[in-house]
Amino acid sequence: MDNYEINILRRDGNWKKVKPDDLIMESIEDNDEAKKEDINTKDTEPKDNFINYIDEINSIISKLEILENEKNILKNQLKNYEQEFINKKKNAEHRIILISREKEMIEKTIGVIKNLKTF
């Protein structure tokens, strides 16, 4: 079983035959471990970036929700002011009607007084 060789595909596309006892196997294993660490750090960096982006998006969404709540509060305040001005308008119109009736009555009274003076 000790008489076997391992074929390793190189980056340039060529194959290299290696015996298990060669030191190159240890360096290959070391390189593999280093590559795994690089891959792991590369994998975590994009995940960290992704998580950071998700956190930033959540922060933006939270700010938008706060702004939406403030907007709704301001809309309610405007609605209250609108209702208050509508009520004031109705009161003013009612007073105008009362004053115009009073004016008509005063004019009729003046007319009656003039007629009585001429009598």
C-alpha atoms as a PDB file:
ATOM      1  CA  MET A   1       0.000   0.000   0.000  1.00  0.00           C
ATOM      2  CA  ASP A   2       3.003   2.267   0.351  1.00  0.00           C
ATOM      3  CA  ASN A   3       3.592   2.194  -3.405  1.00  0.00           C
ATOM      4  CA  TYR A   4       1.141   4.778  -4.558  1.00  0.00           C
ATOM      5  CA  GLU A   5       1.408   8.224  -6.021  1.00  0.00           C
ATOM      6  CA  ILE A   6      -0.880  11.204  -5.804  1.00  0.00           C
ATOM      7  CA  ASN A   7      -1.678  13.265  -8.857  1.00  0.00           C
ATOM      8  CA  ILE A   8      -1.923  16.952  -8.068  1.00  0.00           C
ATOM      9  CA  LEU A   9      -3.367  19.397 -10.552  1.00  0.00           C
ATOM     10  CA  ARG A  10      -1.288  22.547 -10.661  1.00  0.00           C
ATOM     11  CA  ARG A  11      -2.604  26.014 -11.390  1.00  0.00           C
ATOM     12  CA  ASP A  12      -1.032  25.986 -14.820  1.00  0.00           C
ATOM     13  CA  GLY A  13      -3.121  22.923 -15.702  1.00  0.00           C
ATOM     14  CA  ASN A  14      -0.322  20.354 -15.513  1.00  0.00           C
ATOM     15  CA  TRP A  15      -0.409  17.337 -13.254  1.00  0.00           C
ATOM     16  CA  LYS A  16       2.321  16.542 -10.758  1.00  0.00           C
ATOM     17  CA  LYS A  17       2.853  13.075  -9.317  1.00  0.00           C
ATOM     18  CA  VAL A  18       3.800  13.067  -5.650  1.00  0.00           C
ATOM     19  CA  LYS A  19       4.704  10.231  -3.324  1.00  0.00           C
ATOM     20  CA  PRO A  20       3.157  10.301   0.133  1.00  0.00           C
ATOM     21  CA  ASP A  21       6.552  10.459   1.795  1.00  0.00           C
ATOM     22  CA  ASP A  22       7.622  13.591  -0.051  1.00  0.00           C
ATOM     23  CA  LEU A  23       7.839  16.804   1.949  1.00  0.00           C
ATOM     24  CA  ILE A  24       5.740  18.543  -0.619  1.00  0.00           C
ATOM     25  CA  MET A  25       2.657  16.880   0.855  1.00  0.00           C
ATOM     26  CA  GLU A  26       3.246  18.648   4.146  1.00  0.00           C
ATOM     27  CA  SER A  27       3.668  21.954   2.376  1.00  0.00           C
ATOM     28  CA  ILE A  28       0.523  21.242   0.377  1.00  0.00           C
ATOM     29  CA  GLU A  29      -1.347  20.550   3.590  1.00  0.00           C
ATOM     30  CA  ASP A  30       0.081  23.727   5.117  1.00  0.00           C
ATOM     31  CA  ASN A  31      -0.939  25.652   2.005  1.00  0.00           C
ATOM     32  CA  ASP A  32      -4.383  24.093   2.158  1.00  0.00           C
ATOM     33  CA  GLU A  33      -4.769  25.156   5.779  1.00  0.00           C
ATOM     34  CA  ALA A  34      -3.559  28.659   4.961  1.00  0.00           C
ATOM     35  CA  LYS A  35      -5.990  28.806   2.036  1.00  0.00           C
ATOM     36  CA  LYS A  36      -8.803  27.590   4.288  1.00  0.00           C
ATOM     37  CA  GLU A  37      -7.976  30.349   6.765  1.00  0.00           C
ATOM     38  CA  ASP A  38      -7.918  32.876   3.923  1.00  0.00           C
ATOM     39  CA  ILE A  39     -11.216  31.558   2.649  1.00  0.00           C
ATOM     40  CA  ASN A  40     -12.660  31.686   6.145  1.00  0.00           C
ATOM     41  CA  THR A  41     -11.500  35.266   6.660  1.00  0.00           C
ATOM     42  CA  LYS A  42     -12.723  36.193   3.208  1.00  0.00           C
ATOM     43  CA  ASP A  43     -16.042  34.542   3.947  1.00  0.00           C
ATOM     44  CA  THR A  44     -16.403  36.341   7.264  1.00  0.00           C
ATOM     45  CA  GLU A  45     -15.481  39.734   5.853  1.00  0.00           C
ATOM     46  CA  PRO A  46     -18.285  39.770   3.294  1.00  0.00           C
ATOM     47  CA  LYS A  47     -20.632  38.357   5.919  1.00  0.00           C
ATOM     48  CA  ASP A  48     -19.523  41.087   8.312  1.00  0.00           C
ATOM     49  CA  ASN A  49     -20.010  43.640   5.557  1.00  0.00           C
ATOM     50  CA  PHE A  50     -23.385  42.110   4.795  1.00  0.00           C
ATOM     51  CA  ILE A  51     -24.326  42.236   8.462  1.00  0.00           C
ATOM     52  CA  ASN A  52     -23.126  45.835   8.633  1.00  0.00           C
ATOM     53  CA  TYR A  53     -25.249  46.680   5.608  1.00  0.00           C
ATOM     54  CA  ILE A  54     -28.240  44.947   7.178  1.00  0.00           C
ATOM     55  CA  ASP A  55     -27.665  46.901  10.401  1.00  0.00           C
ATOM     56  CA  GLU A  56     -27.442  50.166   8.451  1.00  0.00           C
ATOM     57  CA  ILE A  57     -30.609  49.314   6.521  1.00  0.00           C
ATOM     58  CA  ASN A  58     -32.396  48.516   9.794  1.00  0.00           C
ATOM     59  CA  SER A  59     -31.196  51.833  11.189  1.00  0.00           C
ATOM     60  CA  ILE A  60     -32.525  53.665   8.135  1.00  0.00           C
ATOM     61  CA  ILE A  61     -35.847  51.830   8.387  1.00  0.00           C
ATOM     62  CA  SER A  62     -36.068  52.749  12.059  1.00  0.00           C
ATOM     63  CA  LYS A  63     -35.394  56.407  11.243  1.00  0.00           C
ATOM     64  CA  LEU A  64     -38.038  56.295   8.505  1.00  0.00           C
ATOM     65  CA  GLU A  65     -40.545  54.831  10.958  1.00  0.00           C
ATOM     66  CA  ILE A  66     -39.753  57.610  13.438  1.00  0.00           C
ATOM     67  CA  LEU A  67     -40.200  60.193  10.686  1.00  0.00           C
ATOM     68  CA  GLU A  68     -43.477  58.573   9.639  1.00  0.00           C
ATOM     69  CA  ASN A  69     -44.732  58.736  13.241  1.00  0.00           C
ATOM     70  CA  GLU A  70     -43.688  62.392  13.517  1.00  0.00           C
ATOM     71  CA  LYS A  71     -45.381  63.073  10.172  1.00  0.00           C
ATOM     72  CA  ASN A  72     -48.600  61.490  11.450  1.00  0.00           C
ATOM     73  CA  ILE A  73     -48.424  63.551  14.647  1.00  0.00           C
ATOM     74  CA  LEU A  74     -47.969  66.735  12.591  1.00  0.00           C
ATOM     75  CA  LYS A  75     -50.861  65.743  10.319  1.00  0.00           C
ATOM     76  CA  ASN A  76     -53.076  65.262  13.383  1.00  0.00           C
ATOM     77  CA  GLN A  77     -52.046  68.680  14.687  1.00  0.00           C
ATOM     78  CA  LEU A  78     -52.921  70.222  11.315  1.00  0.00           C
ATOM     79  CA  LYS A  79     -56.251  68.394  11.376  1.00  0.00           C
ATOM     80  CA  ASN A  80     -56.972  69.844  14.832  1.00  0.00           C
ATOM     81  CA  TYR A  81     -56.087  73.372  13.656  1.00  0.00           C
ATOM     82  CA  GLU A  82     -58.226  72.882  10.550  1.00  0.00           C
ATOM     83  CA  GLN A  83     -61.196  71.837  12.697  1.00  0.00           C
ATOM     84  CA  GLU A  84     -60.622  74.797  15.012  1.00  0.00           C
ATOM     85  CA  PHE A  85     -60.623  77.237  12.065  1.00  0.00           C
ATOM     86  CA  ILE A  86     -63.721  75.595  10.590  1.00  0.00           C
ATOM     87  CA  ASN A  87     -65.469  76.093  13.938  1.00  0.00           C
ATOM     88  CA  LYS A  88     -64.311  79.742  14.086  1.00  0.00           C
ATOM     89  CA  LYS A  89     -65.575  80.254  10.528  1.00  0.00           C
ATOM     90  CA  LYS A  90     -68.975  78.809  11.442  1.00  0.00           C
ATOM     91  CA  ASN A  91     -69.128  81.064  14.533  1.00  0.00           C
ATOM     92  CA  ALA A  92     -68.165  84.100  12.445  1.00  0.00           C
ATOM     93  CA  GLU A  93     -70.794  83.243   9.813  1.00  0.00           C
ATOM     94  CA  HIS A  94     -73.391  82.794  12.566  1.00  0.00           C
ATOM     95  CA  ARG A  95     -72.445  86.183  14.075  1.00  0.00           C
ATOM     96  CA  ILE A  96     -72.616  87.759  10.604  1.00  0.00           C
ATOM     97  CA  ILE A  97     -76.133  86.367  10.144  1.00  0.00           C
ATOM     98  CA  LEU A  98     -77.163  87.679  13.580  1.00  0.00           C
ATOM     99  CA  ILE A  99     -75.613  91.084  12.894  1.00  0.00           C
ATOM    100  CA  SER A 100     -77.259  91.322   9.454  1.00  0.00           C
ATOM    101  CA  ARG A 101     -80.652  90.477  11.056  1.00  0.00           C
ATOM    102  CA  GLU A 102     -80.013  93.060  13.728  1.00  0.00           C
ATOM    103  CA  LYS A 103     -79.111  95.562  10.991  1.00  0.00           C
ATOM    104  CA  GLU A 104     -82.375  94.806   9.153  1.00  0.00           C
ATOM    105  CA  MET A 105     -84.347  95.287  12.361  1.00  0.00           C
ATOM    106  CA  ILE A 106     -82.549  98.559  13.082  1.00  0.00           C
ATOM    107  CA  GLU A 107     -83.267  99.778   9.532  1.00  0.00           C
ATOM    108  CA  LYS A 108     -86.968  98.844   9.925  1.00  0.00           C
ATOM    109  CA  THR A 109     -87.074 100.607  13.291  1.00  0.00           C
ATOM    110  CA  ILE A 110     -85.513 103.721  11.758  1.00  0.00           C
ATOM    111  CA  GLY A 111     -88.100 103.568   8.965  1.00  0.00           C
ATOM    112  CA  VAL A 112     -90.957 103.296  11.505  1.00  0.00           C
ATOM    113  CA  ILE A 113     -89.527 106.222  13.512  1.00  0.00           C
ATOM    114  CA  LYS A 114     -89.313 108.355  10.330  1.00  0.00           C
ATOM    115  CA  ASN A 115     -92.903 107.465   9.458  1.00  0.00           C
ATOM    116  CA  LEU A 116     -94.055 108.339  12.977  1.00  0.00           C
ATOM    117  CA  LYS A 117     -92.258 111.688  12.799  1.00  0.00           C
ATOM    118  CA  THR A 118     -94.114 112.550   9.628  1.00  0.00           C
ATOM    119  CA  PHE A 119     -97.470 111.584  11.038  1.00  0.00           C
END
